[in-house]
């Protein structure tokens, strides 16, 4: 794509799917003790989820963001709309008959979490083509959350030649649900925790069977790993960044990593530098509650990595 063509596009990043509301419960340890009742600190709620977090994070970095999704005609859907509006995200939603997605996240003292995710979407939910296609045509990059209906956008994305990324989260490399997302995206993010010791082979499979130019596995405090189509067949480690303040919550850290990476990629940085920017953004996110610590471009600088 030429610079002249890029300048005519309305959206730096088009995010599709993945909004919702998190209920965050702070506990002393994970797993929680078996008991009829456990005292906890104040229970908090934030609108975000993976798609919302990526949209908000990219917008905070100064990128032009459009976000498309289904939400319910309910109070939780109102929370989603309000937070995105306050974050300056251009959000356009369709009403889901099943309501707005939710999750309950247990977070222990070091910031580690366990999430109970209520996806809600019916299997036959589809986003109308005439709703999303005009936005695809005006996007420099598309980021698809792994909500089921987004997989049906891939044919149009490929026909238009728009680069696309996705986050497989804790995919173990075996579950069939994730394969289409893994093999039809140009940039694939996932957590190393899902596949454990098999993570290198899972990353190689994505490159071998799919179209990805790069696969990035995040490993929390252990840093991240980058594997590219043109590079070696072993993951290259990217060191973790020390958070600039005490760690509060790891919710949203992986989404922030994606934002930092995409910011670098859209600025023309090489893949290794994009991974370092992702690590910086992910570390910053851990310093706030519920994914509310969003890094700006002034703090996302290579000299700080």
Protein backbone atom coordinates (compact mmCIF):
# COMPACT_ATOMS: atom_id res chain seq x y z
CA UNK A 1 0.00 0.00 0.00
CA UNK A 2 1.41 3.40 -0.98
CA UNK A 3 1.62 6.35 1.42
CA UNK A 4 -0.98 8.18 -0.66
CA UNK A 5 -3.38 5.24 -0.29
CA UNK A 6 -2.68 5.04 3.46
CA UNK A 7 -3.40 8.73 3.92
CA UNK A 8 -6.89 8.25 2.46
CA UNK A 9 -7.86 5.54 4.96
CA UNK A 10 -10.07 6.49 7.90
CA UNK A 11 -9.02 3.80 10.39
CA UNK A 12 -5.51 2.91 11.51
CA UNK A 13 -6.98 -0.07 13.36
CA UNK A 14 -10.40 -1.63 12.92
CA UNK A 15 -11.19 -3.82 15.94
CA UNK A 16 -14.03 -6.32 15.59
CA UNK A 17 -15.59 -8.21 18.49
CA UNK A 18 -14.61 -8.79 22.07
CA UNK A 19 -16.32 -6.13 24.20
CA UNK A 20 -17.79 -6.85 27.62
CA UNK A 21 -17.72 -6.11 31.33
CA UNK A 22 -15.28 -7.55 33.89
CA UNK A 23 -16.16 -8.03 37.55
CA UNK A 24 -12.87 -8.06 39.47
CA UNK A 25 -12.64 -9.84 42.82
CA UNK A 26 -9.39 -9.58 44.79
CA UNK A 27 -8.42 -12.71 46.71
CA UNK A 28 -5.50 -13.68 48.94
CA UNK A 29 -4.38 -16.59 46.78
CA UNK A 30 -5.25 -18.81 43.82
CA UNK A 31 -6.86 -21.24 43.84
CA UNK A 32 -9.28 -19.87 46.40
CA UNK A 33 -9.97 -21.99 49.50
CA UNK A 34 -13.01 -24.26 49.54
CA UNK A 35 -15.44 -22.50 51.82
CA UNK A 36 -19.06 -21.44 51.94
CA UNK A 37 -18.00 -17.79 52.21
CA UNK A 38 -14.71 -15.95 51.73
CA UNK A 39 -14.20 -12.32 52.70
CA UNK A 40 -12.71 -10.16 49.94
CA UNK A 41 -11.94 -6.51 49.33
CA UNK A 42 -14.17 -4.16 47.33
CA UNK A 43 -15.54 -5.82 44.19
CA UNK A 44 -15.06 -3.59 41.16
CA UNK A 45 -16.39 -3.58 37.59
CA UNK A 46 -14.85 -2.27 34.39
CA UNK A 47 -15.99 -2.37 30.80
CA UNK A 48 -13.32 -3.62 28.48
CA UNK A 49 -12.61 -7.26 27.60
CA UNK A 50 -10.03 -8.01 24.95
CA UNK A 51 -11.57 -6.09 22.03
CA UNK A 52 -12.46 -3.09 24.15
CA UNK A 53 -9.00 -3.05 25.73
CA UNK A 54 -7.27 -3.16 22.34
CA UNK A 55 -9.50 -0.40 20.99
CA UNK A 56 -8.92 1.82 24.04
CA UNK A 57 -5.19 1.09 24.14
CA UNK A 58 -4.65 1.87 20.47
CA UNK A 59 -6.70 5.05 20.76
CA UNK A 60 -4.65 6.19 23.78
CA UNK A 61 -1.55 5.74 21.63
CA UNK A 62 -3.00 8.23 19.17
CA UNK A 63 -4.13 5.77 16.51
CA UNK A 64 -7.40 6.25 14.64
CA UNK A 65 -9.62 3.42 15.87
CA UNK A 66 -12.99 2.05 14.79
CA UNK A 67 -14.61 -0.67 16.90
CA UNK A 68 -17.47 -2.89 15.71
CA UNK A 69 -19.26 -5.40 17.91
CA UNK A 70 -22.48 -6.77 19.33
CA UNK A 71 -23.62 -5.68 22.80
CA UNK A 72 -26.85 -6.22 24.67
CA UNK A 73 -29.62 -3.71 25.19
CA UNK A 74 -28.82 -3.86 28.90
CA UNK A 75 -27.05 -1.89 31.61
CA UNK A 76 -23.76 -3.72 31.00
CA UNK A 77 -23.95 -2.71 27.34
CA UNK A 78 -24.37 0.86 28.56
CA UNK A 79 -21.18 0.48 30.60
CA UNK A 80 -19.31 -0.64 27.49
CA UNK A 81 -20.60 2.30 25.45
CA UNK A 82 -19.77 4.81 28.20
CA UNK A 83 -16.18 3.68 28.72
CA UNK A 84 -15.41 3.56 25.01
CA UNK A 85 -16.92 7.03 24.51
CA UNK A 86 -14.84 8.43 27.38
CA UNK A 87 -11.76 6.87 25.80
CA UNK A 88 -12.48 8.53 22.45
CA UNK A 89 -13.15 5.25 20.62
CA UNK A 90 -15.49 5.39 17.62
CA UNK A 91 -17.73 2.47 18.58
CA UNK A 92 -20.57 1.20 16.41
CA UNK A 93 -22.64 -1.64 17.85
CA UNK A 94 -25.38 -4.03 16.90
CA UNK A 95 -27.76 -5.38 19.52
CA UNK A 96 -27.23 -8.99 20.58
CA UNK A 97 -30.35 -10.81 21.78
CA UNK A 98 -28.17 -12.71 24.27
CA UNK A 99 -26.96 -9.59 26.06
CA UNK A 100 -23.50 -8.18 26.75
CA UNK A 101 -20.60 -10.55 27.42
CA UNK A 102 -19.31 -10.71 31.00
CA UNK A 103 -16.45 -12.18 33.00
CA UNK A 104 -15.61 -12.60 36.67
CA UNK A 105 -11.87 -12.31 37.30
CA UNK A 106 -10.26 -13.47 40.53
CA UNK A 107 -7.03 -11.51 41.08
CA UNK A 108 -4.48 -12.44 43.78
CA UNK A 109 -1.90 -10.24 45.47
CA UNK A 110 0.83 -10.54 42.82
CA UNK A 111 -1.60 -9.62 40.03
CA UNK A 112 -2.09 -13.19 38.74
CA UNK A 113 -5.68 -13.87 37.72
CA UNK A 114 -8.25 -16.55 36.95
CA UNK A 115 -11.06 -15.54 34.62
CA UNK A 116 -14.56 -17.02 34.35
CA UNK A 117 -15.80 -15.94 30.93
CA UNK A 118 -19.47 -15.79 29.92
CA UNK A 119 -19.34 -15.49 26.11
CA UNK A 120 -23.15 -15.50 25.66
CA UNK A 121 -23.11 -15.16 21.86
CA UNK A 122 -25.32 -17.75 20.12
CA UNK A 123 -23.49 -19.92 17.59
CA UNK A 124 -25.54 -18.55 14.71
CA UNK A 125 -24.78 -14.87 15.47
CA UNK A 126 -23.45 -13.13 12.34
CA UNK A 127 -22.39 -9.56 11.65
CA UNK A 128 -24.09 -8.34 8.45
CA UNK A 129 -21.69 -7.84 5.55
CA UNK A 130 -23.12 -4.44 4.64
CA UNK A 131 -22.41 -3.32 8.22
CA UNK A 132 -18.71 -4.21 8.40
CA UNK A 133 -17.55 -4.14 4.76
CA UNK A 134 -17.42 -0.32 4.34
CA UNK A 135 -15.15 -0.14 7.40
CA UNK A 136 -12.88 -2.93 6.16
CA UNK A 137 -12.34 -0.93 2.99
CA UNK A 138 -11.18 2.07 5.02
CA UNK A 139 -8.83 0.26 7.43
CA UNK A 140 -5.03 0.04 7.44
CA UNK A 141 -5.16 -2.93 9.80
CA UNK A 142 -7.86 -5.20 11.25
CA UNK A 143 -7.71 -6.87 14.66
CA UNK A 144 -10.19 -9.70 15.15
CA UNK A 145 -11.14 -10.93 18.60
CA UNK A 146 -11.82 -14.66 18.68
CA UNK A 147 -15.58 -14.28 19.09
CA UNK A 148 -17.14 -16.83 16.76
CA UNK A 149 -18.88 -14.41 14.38
CA UNK A 150 -15.62 -12.63 13.47
CA UNK A 151 -14.25 -15.70 11.67
CA UNK A 152 -16.77 -15.02 8.91
CA UNK A 153 -14.97 -11.76 8.01
CA UNK A 154 -11.78 -13.48 6.84
CA UNK A 155 -12.84 -13.99 3.21
CA UNK A 156 -13.52 -10.28 2.75
CA UNK A 157 -10.35 -9.30 4.63
CA UNK A 158 -8.25 -11.49 2.35
CA UNK A 159 -9.98 -10.25 -0.80
CA UNK A 160 -9.26 -6.66 0.19
CA UNK A 161 -5.67 -7.45 1.18
CA UNK A 162 -5.93 -5.76 4.58
CA UNK A 163 -3.40 -7.03 7.19
CA UNK A 164 -5.13 -8.80 10.08
CA UNK A 165 -4.09 -9.80 13.59
CA UNK A 166 -5.70 -11.88 16.31
CA UNK A 167 -5.03 -12.95 19.89
CA UNK A 168 -5.55 -16.65 20.65
CA UNK A 169 -5.07 -16.04 24.40
CA UNK A 170 -4.32 -19.34 26.17
CA UNK A 171 -4.77 -21.64 23.16
CA UNK A 172 -3.21 -25.03 23.81
CA UNK A 173 -2.51 -25.68 20.13
CA UNK A 174 -5.11 -28.48 20.05
CA UNK A 175 -8.59 -26.97 20.27
CA UNK A 176 -10.16 -26.73 16.82
CA UNK A 177 -12.07 -23.51 17.58
CA UNK A 178 -8.90 -21.38 17.35
CA UNK A 179 -7.35 -22.87 14.21
CA UNK A 180 -9.01 -20.66 11.62
CA UNK A 181 -7.94 -17.56 13.54
CA UNK A 182 -4.41 -18.95 13.92
CA UNK A 183 -3.95 -19.90 10.27
CA UNK A 184 -5.67 -16.97 8.54
CA UNK A 185 -4.06 -14.03 10.39
CA UNK A 186 -0.88 -12.12 9.49
CA UNK A 187 0.10 -11.47 13.12
CA UNK A 188 -0.82 -14.05 15.74
CA UNK A 189 -0.57 -13.38 19.47
CA UNK A 190 -1.08 -15.98 22.20
CA UNK A 191 -0.14 -16.71 25.78
CA UNK A 192 2.68 -19.17 26.38
CA UNK A 193 0.76 -20.51 29.38
CA UNK A 194 -1.79 -22.38 27.27
CA UNK A 195 0.62 -24.72 25.49
CA UNK A 196 3.29 -24.81 28.19
CA UNK A 197 6.41 -26.66 27.08
CA UNK A 198 4.88 -27.19 23.61
CA UNK A 199 4.71 -23.47 22.85
CA UNK A 200 7.61 -23.51 20.35
CA UNK A 201 6.02 -26.30 18.31
CA UNK A 202 2.65 -24.52 18.38
CA UNK A 203 4.29 -21.33 17.07
CA UNK A 204 6.04 -23.31 14.31
CA UNK A 205 2.76 -24.96 13.32
CA UNK A 206 1.04 -21.58 12.97
CA UNK A 207 3.80 -20.39 10.64
CA UNK A 208 3.90 -23.65 8.71
CA UNK A 209 0.16 -24.12 8.22
CA UNK A 210 -0.97 -20.51 8.07
CA UNK A 211 -0.18 -17.16 6.51
CA UNK A 212 1.32 -15.40 9.53
CA UNK A 213 4.49 -13.37 9.09
CA UNK A 214 5.04 -13.50 12.86
CA UNK A 215 3.79 -15.34 15.95
CA UNK A 216 4.23 -13.74 19.36
CA UNK A 217 3.83 -15.66 22.63
CA UNK A 218 3.60 -13.61 25.83
CA UNK A 219 4.89 -15.10 29.07
CA UNK A 220 4.10 -12.48 31.73
CA UNK A 221 7.10 -11.69 33.90
CA UNK A 222 9.08 -14.16 31.77
CA UNK A 223 8.93 -11.79 28.80
CA UNK A 224 7.72 -12.91 25.40
CA UNK A 225 8.85 -14.92 22.38
CA UNK A 226 8.89 -13.93 18.72
CA UNK A 227 9.01 -16.30 15.78
CA UNK A 228 8.94 -15.06 12.18
CA UNK A 229 8.56 -16.66 8.80
CA UNK A 230 11.90 -15.27 7.69
CA UNK A 231 13.75 -15.93 10.94
CA UNK A 232 15.03 -19.01 12.71
CA UNK A 233 12.77 -21.90 13.65
CA UNK A 234 13.34 -21.27 17.34
CA UNK A 235 11.45 -18.53 19.22
CA UNK A 236 13.57 -15.45 19.91
CA UNK A 237 13.17 -14.27 23.51
CA UNK A 238 12.15 -10.69 24.20
CA UNK A 239 12.97 -9.68 27.76
CA UNK A 240 10.24 -8.45 30.05
CA UNK A 241 10.09 -4.78 30.97
CA UNK A 242 10.08 -3.81 34.63
CA UNK A 243 6.77 -2.03 35.38
CA UNK A 244 7.23 1.66 36.24
CA UNK A 245 5.17 1.23 39.45
CA UNK A 246 4.06 -1.65 41.72
CA UNK A 247 2.10 -4.41 39.99
CA UNK A 248 -1.60 -4.18 40.78
CA UNK A 249 -3.39 -6.36 38.25
CA UNK A 250 -2.42 -8.36 35.14
CA UNK A 251 -5.89 -7.94 33.58
CA UNK A 252 -5.43 -6.36 30.16
CA UNK A 253 -1.64 -6.78 30.03
CA UNK A 254 -1.79 -9.06 26.99
CA UNK A 255 -4.16 -6.67 25.22
CA UNK A 256 -1.80 -3.78 25.98
CA UNK A 257 1.07 -5.81 24.51
CA UNK A 258 -0.94 -6.13 21.28
CA UNK A 259 -1.49 -2.35 21.23
CA UNK A 260 2.21 -1.57 21.65
CA UNK A 261 3.12 -4.06 18.95
CA UNK A 262 0.56 -2.72 16.46
CA UNK A 263 1.61 0.86 17.19
CA UNK A 264 5.16 -0.04 16.22
CA UNK A 265 4.10 -2.02 13.17
CA UNK A 266 1.92 0.78 11.81
CA UNK A 267 4.86 3.15 12.31
CA UNK A 268 7.03 0.90 10.14
CA UNK A 269 9.19 -0.55 12.94
CA UNK A 270 10.75 -4.00 12.55
CA UNK A 271 9.16 -6.96 14.30
CA UNK A 272 11.69 -7.21 17.11
CA UNK A 273 11.26 -3.56 18.03
CA UNK A 274 7.48 -4.00 17.87
CA UNK A 275 7.81 -6.83 20.39
CA UNK A 276 9.86 -4.61 22.69
CA UNK A 277 7.22 -1.89 22.47
CA UNK A 278 4.57 -4.51 23.24
CA UNK A 279 6.50 -5.59 26.33
CA UNK A 280 6.69 -2.00 27.53
CA UNK A 281 2.95 -1.44 27.06
CA UNK A 282 2.12 -4.74 28.78
CA UNK A 283 4.25 -3.89 31.81
CA UNK A 284 2.65 -0.46 32.09
CA UNK A 285 -0.82 -2.04 32.07
CA UNK A 286 -0.02 -4.08 35.18
CA UNK A 287 0.23 -0.91 37.29
CA UNK A 288 -3.52 -0.17 37.25
CA UNK A 289 -6.73 -1.98 38.11
CA UNK A 290 -8.74 -3.88 35.55
CA UNK A 291 -6.76 -2.83 32.49
CA UNK A 292 -7.28 0.87 33.22
CA UNK A 293 -3.56 1.79 32.99
CA UNK A 294 -3.23 2.73 29.31
CA UNK A 295 0.15 3.87 28.03
CA UNK A 296 0.42 6.97 25.83
CA UNK A 297 2.89 7.61 23.02
CA UNK A 298 5.09 9.77 25.26
CA UNK A 299 5.88 6.78 27.48
CA UNK A 300 6.07 4.24 24.66
CA UNK A 301 9.58 4.98 23.47
CA UNK A 302 12.36 2.53 22.49
CA UNK A 303 14.81 4.21 24.89
CA UNK A 304 12.59 3.10 27.77
CA UNK A 305 12.55 -0.56 26.73
